[in-house]
């Protein structure tokens, strides 16, 4: 997160349930609403989760760019959010989406298409 990060408007009851890593982030697993395929994994802080919940578009924190990004903002491969769930431990989010175009930056349908280990 940015040192001078925005003041989040995330519901305090939701924020209290999140178990963040040392950088204040929670893993967000993105799943296709129709096929139920896992499309990708991103990272969210409180502000990214708030933006996702209020905009209906998947918003993540980029650890490499140190900035927020909306999936598909530049590529057009958008994710319209249908639902967001918190796992039982509070350390992972499930973001169920309608995906337009490929989810992976490589052009694959999912980030898990290329390397099957078993």
PDB file of N, CA and C in Angstrom:
ATOM      1  N   UNK A   1       0.818  -1.178   0.000  1.00  0.00           N
ATOM      2  CA  UNK A   1       0.000   0.000   0.000  1.00  0.00           C
ATOM      3  C   UNK A   1       0.865   1.245   0.000  1.00  0.00           C
ATOM      4  N   UNK A   2       0.312   2.291  -0.510  1.00  0.00           N
ATOM      5  CA  UNK A   2       1.032   3.554  -0.491  1.00  0.00           C
ATOM      6  C   UNK A   2       1.166   4.020   0.944  1.00  0.00           C
ATOM      7  N   UNK A   3       2.310   4.640   1.233  1.00  0.00           N
ATOM      8  CA  UNK A   3       2.545   5.167   2.580  1.00  0.00           C
ATOM      9  C   UNK A   3       1.481   6.182   2.957  1.00  0.00           C
ATOM     10  N   UNK A   4       1.089   6.995   1.993  1.00  0.00           N
ATOM     11  CA  UNK A   4       0.069   8.020   2.238  1.00  0.00           C
ATOM     12  C   UNK A   4      -1.272   7.562   1.687  1.00  0.00           C
ATOM     13  N   UNK A   5      -1.521   6.253   1.760  1.00  0.00           N
ATOM     14  CA  UNK A   5      -2.686   5.642   1.135  1.00  0.00           C
ATOM     15  C   UNK A   5      -3.987   6.347   1.477  1.00  0.00           C
ATOM     16  N   UNK A   6      -4.992   6.134   0.631  1.00  0.00           N
ATOM     17  CA  UNK A   6      -6.268   6.792   0.815  1.00  0.00           C
ATOM     18  C   UNK A   6      -6.961   6.307   2.078  1.00  0.00           C
ATOM     19  N   UNK A   7      -7.791   7.140   2.619  1.00  0.00           N
ATOM     20  CA  UNK A   7      -8.623   6.739   3.742  1.00  0.00           C
ATOM     21  C   UNK A   7      -9.726   5.878   3.159  1.00  0.00           C
ATOM     22  N   UNK A   8      -9.779   4.647   3.574  1.00  0.00           N
ATOM     23  CA  UNK A   8     -10.736   3.721   2.991  1.00  0.00           C
ATOM     24  C   UNK A   8     -12.135   3.927   3.560  1.00  0.00           C
ATOM     25  N   UNK A   9     -13.103   3.590   2.754  1.00  0.00           N
ATOM     26  CA  UNK A   9     -14.496   3.648   3.182  1.00  0.00           C
ATOM     27  C   UNK A   9     -15.056   2.247   3.343  1.00  0.00           C
ATOM     28  N   UNK A  10     -14.169   1.255   3.438  1.00  0.00           N
ATOM     29  CA  UNK A  10     -14.612  -0.125   3.601  1.00  0.00           C
ATOM     30  C   UNK A  10     -15.409  -0.248   4.892  1.00  0.00           C
ATOM     31  N   UNK A  11     -16.513  -0.938   4.806  1.00  0.00           N
ATOM     32  CA  UNK A  11     -17.368  -1.170   5.967  1.00  0.00           C
ATOM     33  C   UNK A  11     -16.509  -1.702   7.119  1.00  0.00           C
ATOM     34  N   UNK A  12     -16.520  -1.047   8.277  1.00  0.00           N
ATOM     35  CA  UNK A  12     -15.692  -1.478   9.408  1.00  0.00           C
ATOM     36  C   UNK A  12     -15.955  -2.934   9.826  1.00  0.00           C
ATOM     37  N   UNK A  13     -17.187  -3.402   9.676  1.00  0.00           N
ATOM     38  CA  UNK A  13     -17.495  -4.792  10.031  1.00  0.00           C
ATOM     39  C   UNK A  13     -16.778  -5.762   9.096  1.00  0.00           C
ATOM     40  N   UNK A  14     -16.665  -5.407   7.813  1.00  0.00           N
ATOM     41  CA  UNK A  14     -15.936  -6.232   6.852  1.00  0.00           C
ATOM     42  C   UNK A  14     -14.441  -6.138   7.138  1.00  0.00           C
ATOM     43  N   UNK A  15     -13.955  -4.922   7.329  1.00  0.00           N
ATOM     44  CA  UNK A  15     -12.527  -4.706   7.594  1.00  0.00           C
ATOM     45  C   UNK A  15     -12.065  -5.489   8.821  1.00  0.00           C
ATOM     46  N   UNK A  16     -12.905  -5.570   9.828  1.00  0.00           N
ATOM     47  CA  UNK A  16     -12.547  -6.272  11.062  1.00  0.00           C
ATOM     48  C   UNK A  16     -12.382  -7.772  10.846  1.00  0.00           C
ATOM     49  N   UNK A  17     -13.010  -8.312   9.818  1.00  0.00           N
ATOM     50  CA  UNK A  17     -12.940  -9.752   9.550  1.00  0.00           C
ATOM     51  C   UNK A  17     -11.730 -10.144   8.712  1.00  0.00           C
ATOM     52  N   UNK A  18     -11.067  -9.167   8.076  1.00  0.00           N
ATOM     53  CA  UNK A  18      -9.942  -9.467   7.193  1.00  0.00           C
ATOM     54  C   UNK A  18      -8.669  -9.754   7.980  1.00  0.00           C
ATOM     55  N   UNK A  19      -7.968 -10.791   7.566  1.00  0.00           N
ATOM     56  CA  UNK A  19      -6.639 -11.091   8.106  1.00  0.00           C
ATOM     57  C   UNK A  19      -5.644 -10.801   6.998  1.00  0.00           C
ATOM     58  N   UNK A  20      -4.972  -9.685   7.112  1.00  0.00           N
ATOM     59  CA  UNK A  20      -4.065  -9.207   6.083  1.00  0.00           C
ATOM     60  C   UNK A  20      -2.651  -9.722   6.314  1.00  0.00           C
ATOM     61  N   UNK A  21      -1.854  -9.769   5.227  1.00  0.00           N
ATOM     62  CA  UNK A  21      -0.448 -10.130   5.381  1.00  0.00           C
ATOM     63  C   UNK A  21       0.317  -8.913   5.910  1.00  0.00           C
ATOM     64  N   UNK A  22       1.625  -9.024   6.006  1.00  0.00           N
ATOM     65  CA  UNK A  22       2.459  -7.958   6.565  1.00  0.00           C
ATOM     66  C   UNK A  22       2.365  -6.657   5.762  1.00  0.00           C
ATOM     67  N   UNK A  23       1.972  -6.754   4.486  1.00  0.00           N
ATOM     68  CA  UNK A  23       1.826  -5.572   3.641  1.00  0.00           C
ATOM     69  C   UNK A  23       0.398  -5.035   3.616  1.00  0.00           C
ATOM     70  N   UNK A  24      -0.470  -5.626   4.442  1.00  0.00           N
ATOM     71  CA  UNK A  24      -1.858  -5.168   4.500  1.00  0.00           C
ATOM     72  C   UNK A  24      -2.727  -5.716   3.386  1.00  0.00           C
ATOM     73  N   UNK A  25      -2.299  -6.819   2.773  1.00  0.00           N
ATOM     74  CA  UNK A  25      -2.996  -7.375   1.616  1.00  0.00           C
ATOM     75  C   UNK A  25      -3.673  -8.700   1.913  1.00  0.00           C
ATOM     76  N   UNK A  26      -4.708  -8.974   1.130  1.00  0.00           N
ATOM     77  CA  UNK A  26      -5.438 -10.234   1.191  1.00  0.00           C
ATOM     78  C   UNK A  26      -5.457 -10.807  -0.227  1.00  0.00           C
ATOM     79  N   UNK A  27      -5.210 -12.107  -0.356  1.00  0.00           N
ATOM     80  CA  UNK A  27      -5.276 -12.757  -1.664  1.00  0.00           C
ATOM     81  C   UNK A  27      -6.717 -12.771  -2.148  1.00  0.00           C
ATOM     82  N   UNK A  28      -6.893 -12.510  -3.444  1.00  0.00           N
ATOM     83  CA  UNK A  28      -8.219 -12.523  -4.062  1.00  0.00           C
ATOM     84  C   UNK A  28      -8.203 -13.503  -5.229  1.00  0.00           C
ATOM     85  N   UNK A  29      -8.889 -14.620  -5.064  1.00  0.00           N
ATOM     86  CA  UNK A  29      -9.007 -15.625  -6.108  1.00  0.00           C
ATOM     87  C   UNK A  29     -10.210 -15.238  -6.965  1.00  0.00           C
ATOM     88  N   UNK A  30      -9.983 -15.135  -8.277  1.00  0.00           N
ATOM     89  CA  UNK A  30     -11.046 -14.712  -9.190  1.00  0.00           C
ATOM     90  C   UNK A  30     -11.547 -15.929  -9.953  1.00  0.00           C
ATOM     91  N   UNK A  31     -12.871 -16.126  -9.906  1.00  0.00           N
ATOM     92  CA  UNK A  31     -13.499 -17.301 -10.498  1.00  0.00           C
ATOM     93  C   UNK A  31     -14.556 -16.864 -11.508  1.00  0.00           C
ATOM     94  N   UNK A  32     -14.638 -17.569 -12.635  1.00  0.00           N
ATOM     95  CA  UNK A  32     -15.665 -17.308 -13.637  1.00  0.00           C
ATOM     96  C   UNK A  32     -17.030 -17.754 -13.097  1.00  0.00           C
ATOM     97  N   UNK A  33     -18.013 -16.886 -13.192  1.00  0.00           N
ATOM     98  CA  UNK A  33     -19.337 -17.169 -12.637  1.00  0.00           C
ATOM     99  C   UNK A  33     -20.022 -18.338 -13.337  1.00  0.00           C
ATOM    100  N   UNK A  34     -19.807 -18.500 -14.629  1.00  0.00           N
ATOM    101  CA  UNK A  34     -20.502 -19.554 -15.367  1.00  0.00           C
ATOM    102  C   UNK A  34     -19.754 -20.882 -15.349  1.00  0.00           C
ATOM    103  N   UNK A  35     -18.486 -20.869 -15.732  1.00  0.00           N
ATOM    104  CA  UNK A  35     -17.722 -22.121 -15.821  1.00  0.00           C
ATOM    105  C   UNK A  35     -17.170 -22.569 -14.475  1.00  0.00           C
ATOM    106  N   UNK A  36     -17.054 -21.639 -13.535  1.00  0.00           N
ATOM    107  CA  UNK A  36     -16.448 -21.860 -12.212  1.00  0.00           C
ATOM    108  C   UNK A  36     -14.939 -22.088 -12.297  1.00  0.00           C
ATOM    109  N   UNK A  37     -14.328 -21.841 -13.458  1.00  0.00           N
ATOM    110  CA  UNK A  37     -12.874 -21.925 -13.588  1.00  0.00           C
ATOM    111  C   UNK A  37     -12.217 -20.814 -12.771  1.00  0.00           C
ATOM    112  N   UNK A  38     -11.071 -21.139 -12.171  1.00  0.00           N
ATOM    113  CA  UNK A  38     -10.275 -20.113 -11.511  1.00  0.00           C
ATOM    114  C   UNK A  38      -9.538 -19.352 -12.601  1.00  0.00           C
ATOM    115  N   UNK A  39      -9.741 -18.039 -12.652  1.00  0.00           N
ATOM    116  CA  UNK A  39      -9.172 -17.219 -13.713  1.00  0.00           C
ATOM    117  C   UNK A  39      -7.814 -16.643 -13.346  1.00  0.00           C
ATOM    118  N   UNK A  40      -7.680 -16.173 -12.126  1.00  0.00           N
ATOM    119  CA  UNK A  40      -6.447 -15.487 -11.731  1.00  0.00           C
ATOM    120  C   UNK A  40      -6.454 -15.288 -10.222  1.00  0.00           C
ATOM    121  N   UNK A  41      -5.329 -14.809  -9.712  1.00  0.00           N
ATOM    122  CA  UNK A  41      -5.208 -14.414  -8.314  1.00  0.00           C
ATOM    123  C   UNK A  41      -4.612 -13.012  -8.299  1.00  0.00           C
ATOM    124  N   UNK A  42      -5.209 -12.142  -7.514  1.00  0.00           N
ATOM    125  CA  UNK A  42      -4.698 -10.789  -7.341  1.00  0.00           C
ATOM    126  C   UNK A  42      -4.617 -10.473  -5.856  1.00  0.00           C
ATOM    127  N   UNK A  43      -4.240  -9.263  -5.552  1.00  0.00           N
ATOM    128  CA  UNK A  43      -4.087  -8.840  -4.160  1.00  0.00           C
ATOM    129  C   UNK A  43      -4.927  -7.591  -3.913  1.00  0.00           C
ATOM    130  N   UNK A  44      -5.599  -7.567  -2.783  1.00  0.00           N
ATOM    131  CA  UNK A  44      -6.428  -6.421  -2.416  1.00  0.00           C
ATOM    132  C   UNK A  44      -6.076  -5.941  -1.026  1.00  0.00           C
ATOM    133  N   UNK A  45      -6.052  -4.633  -0.868  1.00  0.00           N
ATOM    134  CA  UNK A  45      -6.046  -4.040   0.464  1.00  0.00           C
ATOM    135  C   UNK A  45      -7.473  -3.551   0.721  1.00  0.00           C
ATOM    136  N   UNK A  46      -7.685  -2.881   1.830  1.00  0.00           N
ATOM    137  CA  UNK A  46      -9.038  -2.436   2.161  1.00  0.00           C
ATOM    138  C   UNK A  46      -9.619  -1.530   1.073  1.00  0.00           C
ATOM    139  N   UNK A  47      -8.798  -0.627   0.547  1.00  0.00           N
ATOM    140  CA  UNK A  47      -9.279   0.306  -0.470  1.00  0.00           C
ATOM    141  C   UNK A  47      -9.636  -0.421  -1.768  1.00  0.00           C
ATOM    142  N   UNK A  48      -8.817  -1.364  -2.194  1.00  0.00           N
ATOM    143  CA  UNK A  48      -9.118  -2.126  -3.412  1.00  0.00           C
ATOM    144  C   UNK A  48     -10.408  -2.920  -3.246  1.00  0.00           C
ATOM    145  N   UNK A  49     -10.606  -3.509  -2.074  1.00  0.00           N
ATOM    146  CA  UNK A  49     -11.838  -4.242  -1.811  1.00  0.00           C
ATOM    147  C   UNK A  49     -13.030  -3.287  -1.820  1.00  0.00           C
ATOM    148  N   UNK A  50     -12.884  -2.143  -1.190  1.00  0.00           N
ATOM    149  CA  UNK A  50     -13.959  -1.142  -1.193  1.00  0.00           C
ATOM    150  C   UNK A  50     -14.314  -0.738  -2.627  1.00  0.00           C
ATOM    151  N   UNK A  51     -13.300  -0.468  -3.436  1.00  0.00           N
ATOM    152  CA  UNK A  51     -13.538  -0.071  -4.832  1.00  0.00           C
ATOM    153  C   UNK A  51     -14.227  -1.191  -5.612  1.00  0.00           C
ATOM    154  N   UNK A  52     -13.825  -2.433  -5.365  1.00  0.00           N
ATOM    155  CA  UNK A  52     -14.442  -3.583  -6.029  1.00  0.00           C
ATOM    156  C   UNK A  52     -15.910  -3.690  -5.644  1.00  0.00           C
ATOM    157  N   UNK A  53     -16.191  -3.580  -4.360  1.00  0.00           N
ATOM    158  CA  UNK A  53     -17.561  -3.723  -3.873  1.00  0.00           C
ATOM    159  C   UNK A  53     -18.471  -2.598  -4.355  1.00  0.00           C
ATOM    160  N   UNK A  54     -17.937  -1.403  -4.472  1.00  0.00           N
ATOM    161  CA  UNK A  54     -18.784  -0.259  -4.833  1.00  0.00           C
ATOM    162  C   UNK A  54     -18.872  -0.016  -6.338  1.00  0.00           C
ATOM    163  N   UNK A  55     -17.853  -0.458  -7.090  1.00  0.00           N
ATOM    164  CA  UNK A  55     -17.861  -0.204  -8.536  1.00  0.00           C
ATOM    165  C   UNK A  55     -18.388  -1.383  -9.353  1.00  0.00           C
ATOM    166  N   UNK A  56     -18.303  -2.589  -8.770  1.00  0.00           N
ATOM    167  CA  UNK A  56     -18.692  -3.772  -9.519  1.00  0.00           C
ATOM    168  C   UNK A  56     -17.633  -4.235 -10.509  1.00  0.00           C
ATOM    169  N   UNK A  57     -16.438  -3.661 -10.426  1.00  0.00           N
ATOM    170  CA  UNK A  57     -15.301  -4.029 -11.284  1.00  0.00           C
ATOM    171  C   UNK A  57     -14.153  -4.469 -10.386  1.00  0.00           C
ATOM    172  N   UNK A  58     -13.472  -5.548 -10.757  1.00  0.00           N
ATOM    173  CA  UNK A  58     -12.348  -6.055  -9.961  1.00  0.00           C
ATOM    174  C   UNK A  58     -11.225  -5.022  -9.915  1.00  0.00           C
ATOM    175  N   UNK A  59     -10.863  -4.639  -8.697  1.00  0.00           N
ATOM    176  CA  UNK A  59      -9.797  -3.664  -8.480  1.00  0.00           C
ATOM    177  C   UNK A  59      -8.773  -4.296  -7.547  1.00  0.00           C
ATOM    178  N   UNK A  60      -7.510  -4.186  -7.919  1.00  0.00           N
ATOM    179  CA  UNK A  60      -6.441  -4.830  -7.177  1.00  0.00           C
ATOM    180  C   UNK A  60      -5.354  -3.833  -6.814  1.00  0.00           C
ATOM    181  N   UNK A  61      -4.481  -4.263  -5.889  1.00  0.00           N
ATOM    182  CA  UNK A  61      -3.273  -3.523  -5.566  1.00  0.00           C
ATOM    183  C   UNK A  61      -2.127  -4.207  -6.296  1.00  0.00           C
ATOM    184  N   UNK A  62      -1.409  -3.473  -7.131  1.00  0.00           N
ATOM    185  CA  UNK A  62      -0.267  -4.023  -7.839  1.00  0.00           C
ATOM    186  C   UNK A  62       0.964  -3.923  -6.949  1.00  0.00           C
ATOM    187  N   UNK A  63       1.512  -5.066  -6.576  1.00  0.00           N
ATOM    188  CA  UNK A  63       2.698  -5.067  -5.728  1.00  0.00           C
ATOM    189  C   UNK A  63       3.917  -4.564  -6.488  1.00  0.00           C
ATOM    190  N   UNK A  64       3.966  -4.767  -7.784  1.00  0.00           N
ATOM    191  CA  UNK A  64       5.123  -4.315  -8.572  1.00  0.00           C
ATOM    192  C   UNK A  64       5.048  -2.821  -8.885  1.00  0.00           C
ATOM    193  N   UNK A  65       3.866  -2.326  -9.213  1.00  0.00           N
ATOM    194  CA  UNK A  65       3.718  -0.903  -9.552  1.00  0.00           C
ATOM    195  C   UNK A  65       3.381  -0.036  -8.348  1.00  0.00           C
ATOM    196  N   UNK A  66       3.010  -0.691  -7.243  1.00  0.00           N
ATOM    197  CA  UNK A  66       2.617   0.036  -6.034  1.00  0.00           C
ATOM    198  C   UNK A  66       1.493   1.032  -6.319  1.00  0.00           C
ATOM    199  N   UNK A  67       0.450   0.516  -6.984  1.00  0.00           N
ATOM    200  CA  UNK A  67      -0.687   1.349  -7.340  1.00  0.00           C
ATOM    201  C   UNK A  67      -1.907   0.460  -7.544  1.00  0.00           C
ATOM    202  N   UNK A  68      -3.081   1.076  -7.536  1.00  0.00           N
ATOM    203  CA  UNK A  68      -4.316   0.347  -7.792  1.00  0.00           C
ATOM    204  C   UNK A  68      -4.503   0.159  -9.288  1.00  0.00           C
ATOM    205  N   UNK A  69      -5.132  -0.966  -9.654  1.00  0.00           N
ATOM    206  CA  UNK A  69      -5.477  -1.179 -11.058  1.00  0.00           C
ATOM    207  C   UNK A  69      -6.807  -1.901 -11.151  1.00  0.00           C
ATOM    208  N   UNK A  70      -7.571  -1.507 -12.146  1.00  0.00           N
ATOM    209  CA  UNK A  70      -8.865  -2.107 -12.424  1.00  0.00           C
ATOM    210  C   UNK A  70      -8.669  -3.092 -13.572  1.00  0.00           C
ATOM    211  N   UNK A  71      -9.028  -4.337 -13.348  1.00  0.00           N
ATOM    212  CA  UNK A  71      -8.845  -5.370 -14.372  1.00  0.00           C
ATOM    213  C   UNK A  71      -9.582  -4.960 -15.640  1.00  0.00           C
ATOM    214  N   UNK A  72      -8.833  -4.911 -16.750  1.00  0.00           N
ATOM    215  CA  UNK A  72      -9.407  -4.590 -18.044  1.00  0.00           C
ATOM    216  C   UNK A  72      -9.440  -3.121 -18.388  1.00  0.00           C
ATOM    217  N   UNK A  73      -8.949  -2.281 -17.485  1.00  0.00           N
ATOM    218  CA  UNK A  73      -8.989  -0.838 -17.719  1.00  0.00           C
ATOM    219  C   UNK A  73      -8.242  -0.443 -18.999  1.00  0.00           C
ATOM    220  N   UNK A  74      -7.133  -1.110 -19.269  1.00  0.00           N
ATOM    221  CA  UNK A  74      -6.392  -0.799 -20.495  1.00  0.00           C
ATOM    222  C   UNK A  74      -6.600  -1.853 -21.573  1.00  0.00           C
ATOM    223  N   UNK A  75      -6.802  -3.116 -21.201  1.00  0.00           N
ATOM    224  CA  UNK A  75      -6.924  -4.204 -22.177  1.00  0.00           C
ATOM    225  C   UNK A  75      -8.339  -4.387 -22.698  1.00  0.00           C
ATOM    226  N   UNK A  76      -9.323  -3.953 -21.929  1.00  0.00           N
ATOM    227  CA  UNK A  76     -10.713  -4.199 -22.299  1.00  0.00           C
ATOM    228  C   UNK A  76     -11.224  -5.552 -21.824  1.00  0.00           C
ATOM    229  N   UNK A  77     -10.356  -6.345 -21.206  1.00  0.00           N
ATOM    230  CA  UNK A  77     -10.733  -7.666 -20.694  1.00  0.00           C
ATOM    231  C   UNK A  77     -11.265  -7.526 -19.268  1.00  0.00           C
ATOM    232  N   UNK A  78     -12.446  -6.972 -19.162  1.00  0.00           N
ATOM    233  CA  UNK A  78     -12.982  -6.568 -17.862  1.00  0.00           C
ATOM    234  C   UNK A  78     -13.592  -7.729 -17.081  1.00  0.00           C
ATOM    235  N   UNK A  79     -13.703  -7.486 -15.797  1.00  0.00           N
ATOM    236  CA  UNK A  79     -14.373  -8.417 -14.893  1.00  0.00           C
ATOM    237  C   UNK A  79     -15.509  -7.669 -14.211  1.00  0.00           C
ATOM    238  N   UNK A  80     -16.725  -8.070 -14.539  1.00  0.00           N
ATOM    239  CA  UNK A  80     -17.910  -7.543 -13.857  1.00  0.00           C
ATOM    240  C   UNK A  80     -18.165  -8.449 -12.659  1.00  0.00           C
ATOM    241  N   UNK A  81     -18.133  -7.883 -11.479  1.00  0.00           N
ATOM    242  CA  UNK A  81     -18.219  -8.670 -10.246  1.00  0.00           C
ATOM    243  C   UNK A  81     -19.669  -9.036  -9.942  1.00  0.00           C
ATOM    244  N   UNK A  82     -19.898 -10.321  -9.765  1.00  0.00           N
ATOM    245  CA  UNK A  82     -21.221 -10.814  -9.361  1.00  0.00           C
ATOM    246  C   UNK A  82     -21.318 -10.949  -7.844  1.00  0.00           C
ATOM    247  N   UNK A  83     -20.241 -11.460  -7.240  1.00  0.00           N
ATOM    248  CA  UNK A  83     -20.248 -11.609  -5.784  1.00  0.00           C
ATOM    249  C   UNK A  83     -18.825 -11.666  -5.258  1.00  0.00           C
ATOM    250  N   UNK A  84     -18.691 -11.330  -3.989  1.00  0.00           N
ATOM    251  CA  UNK A  84     -17.401 -11.421  -3.295  1.00  0.00           C
ATOM    252  C   UNK A  84     -17.663 -12.164  -1.993  1.00  0.00           C
ATOM    253  N   UNK A  85     -16.844 -13.166  -1.739  1.00  0.00           N
ATOM    254  CA  UNK A  85     -16.976 -13.966  -0.518  1.00  0.00           C
ATOM    255  C   UNK A  85     -15.656 -13.947   0.236  1.00  0.00           C
ATOM    256  N   UNK A  86     -15.752 -14.053   1.548  1.00  0.00           N
ATOM    257  CA  UNK A  86     -14.587 -14.123   2.418  1.00  0.00           C
ATOM    258  C   UNK A  86     -14.496 -15.539   2.952  1.00  0.00           C
ATOM    259  N   UNK A  87     -13.300 -16.131   2.912  1.00  0.00           N
ATOM    260  CA  UNK A  87     -13.163 -17.500   3.397  1.00  0.00           C
ATOM    261  C   UNK A  87     -13.269 -17.547   4.919  1.00  0.00           C
ATOM    262  N   UNK A  88     -13.335 -18.765   5.442  1.00  0.00           N
ATOM    263  CA  UNK A  88     -13.578 -18.970   6.872  1.00  0.00           C
ATOM    264  C   UNK A  88     -12.490 -18.388   7.766  1.00  0.00           C
ATOM    265  N   UNK A  89     -11.262 -18.274   7.253  1.00  0.00           N
ATOM    266  CA  UNK A  89     -10.157 -17.719   8.038  1.00  0.00           C
ATOM    267  C   UNK A  89     -10.026 -16.207   7.887  1.00  0.00           C
ATOM    268  N   UNK A  90     -10.714 -15.636   6.912  1.00  0.00           N
ATOM    269  CA  UNK A  90     -10.648 -14.202   6.691  1.00  0.00           C
ATOM    270  C   UNK A  90      -9.403 -13.741   5.950  1.00  0.00           C
ATOM    271  N   UNK A  91      -8.637 -14.715   5.383  1.00  0.00           N
ATOM    272  CA  UNK A  91      -7.388 -14.319   4.725  1.00  0.00           C
ATOM    273  C   UNK A  91      -7.397 -14.471   3.211  1.00  0.00           C
ATOM    274  N   UNK A  92      -8.547 -14.855   2.644  1.00  0.00           N
ATOM    275  CA  UNK A  92      -8.664 -14.992   1.198  1.00  0.00           C
ATOM    276  C   UNK A  92     -10.064 -14.581   0.762  1.00  0.00           C
ATOM    277  N   UNK A  93     -10.109 -13.848  -0.347  1.00  0.00           N
ATOM    278  CA  UNK A  93     -11.379 -13.456  -0.940  1.00  0.00           C
ATOM    279  C   UNK A  93     -11.635 -14.302  -2.178  1.00  0.00           C
ATOM    280  N   UNK A  94     -12.898 -14.612  -2.434  1.00  0.00           N
ATOM    281  CA  UNK A  94     -13.319 -15.235  -3.681  1.00  0.00           C
ATOM    282  C   UNK A  94     -14.147 -14.195  -4.417  1.00  0.00           C
ATOM    283  N   UNK A  95     -13.685 -13.821  -5.615  1.00  0.00           N
ATOM    284  CA  UNK A  95     -14.361 -12.819  -6.423  1.00  0.00           C
ATOM    285  C   UNK A  95     -14.932 -13.549  -7.638  1.00  0.00           C
ATOM    286  N   UNK A  96     -16.253 -13.626  -7.705  1.00  0.00           N
ATOM    287  CA  UNK A  96     -16.937 -14.331  -8.786  1.00  0.00           C
ATOM    288  C   UNK A  96     -17.346 -13.296  -9.825  1.00  0.00           C
ATOM    289  N   UNK A  97     -16.900 -13.521 -11.080  1.00  0.00           N
ATOM    290  CA  UNK A  97     -17.050 -12.487 -12.103  1.00  0.00           C
ATOM    291  C   UNK A  97     -17.612 -13.025 -13.418  1.00  0.00           C
ATOM    292  N   UNK A  98     -18.119 -12.092 -14.213  1.00  0.00           N
ATOM    293  CA  UNK A  98     -18.371 -12.319 -15.628  1.00  0.00           C
ATOM    294  C   UNK A  98     -17.154 -11.745 -16.335  1.00  0.00           C
ATOM    295  N   UNK A  99     -16.376 -12.612 -16.959  1.00  0.00           N
ATOM    296  CA  UNK A  99     -15.125 -12.218 -17.605  1.00  0.00           C
ATOM    297  C   UNK A  99     -15.365 -11.906 -19.078  1.00  0.00           C
ATOM    298  N   UNK A 100     -14.873 -10.770 -19.528  1.00  0.00           N
ATOM    299  CA  UNK A 100     -14.875 -10.423 -20.944  1.00  0.00           C
ATOM    300  C   UNK A 100     -13.459 -10.584 -21.464  1.00  0.00           C
ATOM    301  N   UNK A 101     -13.268 -11.465 -22.443  1.00  0.00           N
ATOM    302  CA  UNK A 101     -11.936 -11.696 -22.991  1.00  0.00           C
ATOM    303  C   UNK A 101     -11.092 -12.532 -22.047  1.00  0.00           C
ATOM    304  N   UNK A 102      -9.802 -12.684 -22.389  1.00  0.00           N
ATOM    305  CA  UNK A 102      -8.912 -13.477 -21.544  1.00  0.00           C
ATOM    306  C   UNK A 102      -8.650 -12.791 -20.206  1.00  0.00           C
ATOM    307  N   UNK A 103      -8.470 -13.599 -19.174  1.00  0.00           N
ATOM    308  CA  UNK A 103      -8.173 -13.050 -17.840  1.00  0.00           C
ATOM    309  C   UNK A 103      -6.676 -12.842 -17.642  1.00  0.00           C
ATOM    310  N   UNK A 104      -5.863 -13.642 -18.317  1.00  0.00           N
ATOM    311  CA  UNK A 104      -4.418 -13.580 -18.107  1.00  0.00           C
ATOM    312  C   UNK A 104      -3.764 -12.543 -19.014  1.00  0.00           C
ATOM    313  N   UNK A 105      -2.750 -11.882 -18.500  1.00  0.00           N
ATOM    314  CA  UNK A 105      -2.035 -10.878 -19.287  1.00  0.00           C
ATOM    315  C   UNK A 105      -1.283 -11.489 -20.467  1.00  0.00           C
ATOM    316  N   UNK A 106      -1.125 -12.819 -20.461  1.00  0.00           N
ATOM    317  CA  UNK A 106      -0.454 -13.494 -21.578  1.00  0.00           C
ATOM    318  C   UNK A 106      -1.399 -13.733 -22.751  1.00  0.00           C
ATOM    319  N   UNK A 107      -2.688 -13.499 -22.526  1.00  0.00           N
ATOM    320  CA  UNK A 107      -3.690 -13.760 -23.558  1.00  0.00           C
ATOM    321  C   UNK A 107      -4.406 -15.078 -23.373  1.00  0.00           C
ATOM    322  N   UNK A 108      -3.963 -15.893 -22.394  1.00  0.00           N
ATOM    323  CA  UNK A 108      -4.671 -17.140 -22.089  1.00  0.00           C
ATOM    324  C   UNK A 108      -5.980 -16.828 -21.382  1.00  0.00           C
ATOM    325  N   UNK A 109      -6.933 -17.742 -21.519  1.00  0.00           N
ATOM    326  CA  UNK A 109      -8.247 -17.553 -20.898  1.00  0.00           C
ATOM    327  C   UNK A 109      -8.135 -17.401 -19.386  1.00  0.00           C
ATOM    328  N   UNK A 110      -7.273 -18.225 -18.769  1.00  0.00           N
ATOM    329  CA  UNK A 110      -7.009 -18.113 -17.340  1.00  0.00           C
ATOM    330  C   UNK A 110      -5.498 -18.069 -17.128  1.00  0.00           C
ATOM    331  N   UNK A 111      -5.090 -17.637 -15.958  1.00  0.00           N
ATOM    332  CA  UNK A 111      -3.664 -17.620 -15.619  1.00  0.00           C
ATOM    333  C   UNK A 111      -3.150 -19.019 -15.316  1.00  0.00           C
ATOM    334  N   UNK A 112      -4.052 -19.998 -15.317  1.00  0.00           N
ATOM    335  CA  UNK A 112      -3.675 -21.371 -14.989  1.00  0.00           C
ATOM    336  C   UNK A 112      -3.757 -22.303 -16.193  1.00  0.00           C
ATOM    337  N   UNK A 113      -3.783 -21.762 -17.410  1.00  0.00           N
ATOM    338  CA  UNK A 113      -3.877 -22.578 -18.613  1.00  0.00           C
ATOM    339  C   UNK A 113      -2.542 -23.172 -19.054  1.00  0.00           C
ATOM    340  N   UNK A 114      -1.438 -22.484 -18.793  1.00  0.00           N
ATOM    341  CA  UNK A 114      -0.162 -22.830 -19.438  1.00  0.00           C
ATOM    342  C   UNK A 114       0.570 -24.012 -18.813  1.00  0.00           C
ATOM    343  N   UNK A 115       0.673 -24.079 -17.506  1.00  0.00           N
ATOM    344  CA  UNK A 115       1.554 -25.059 -16.866  1.00  0.00           C
ATOM    345  C   UNK A 115       0.810 -25.987 -15.914  1.00  0.00           C
ATOM    346  N   UNK A 116       0.374 -27.098 -16.452  1.00  0.00           N
ATOM    347  CA  UNK A 116      -0.267 -28.103 -15.612  1.00  0.00           C
ATOM    348  C   UNK A 116       0.808 -29.004 -15.038  1.00  0.00           C
ATOM    349  N   UNK A 117       0.884 -29.114 -13.724  1.00  0.00           N
ATOM    350  CA  UNK A 117       1.928 -29.890 -13.071  1.00  0.00           C
ATOM    351  C   UNK A 117       1.535 -31.347 -12.844  1.00  0.00           C
ATOM    352  N   UNK A 118       0.247 -31.626 -12.791  1.00  0.00           N
ATOM    353  CA  UNK A 118      -0.199 -32.997 -12.549  1.00  0.00           C
ATOM    354  C   UNK A 118      -1.468 -33.247 -13.311  1.00  0.00           C
TER     355      UNK A 118
END
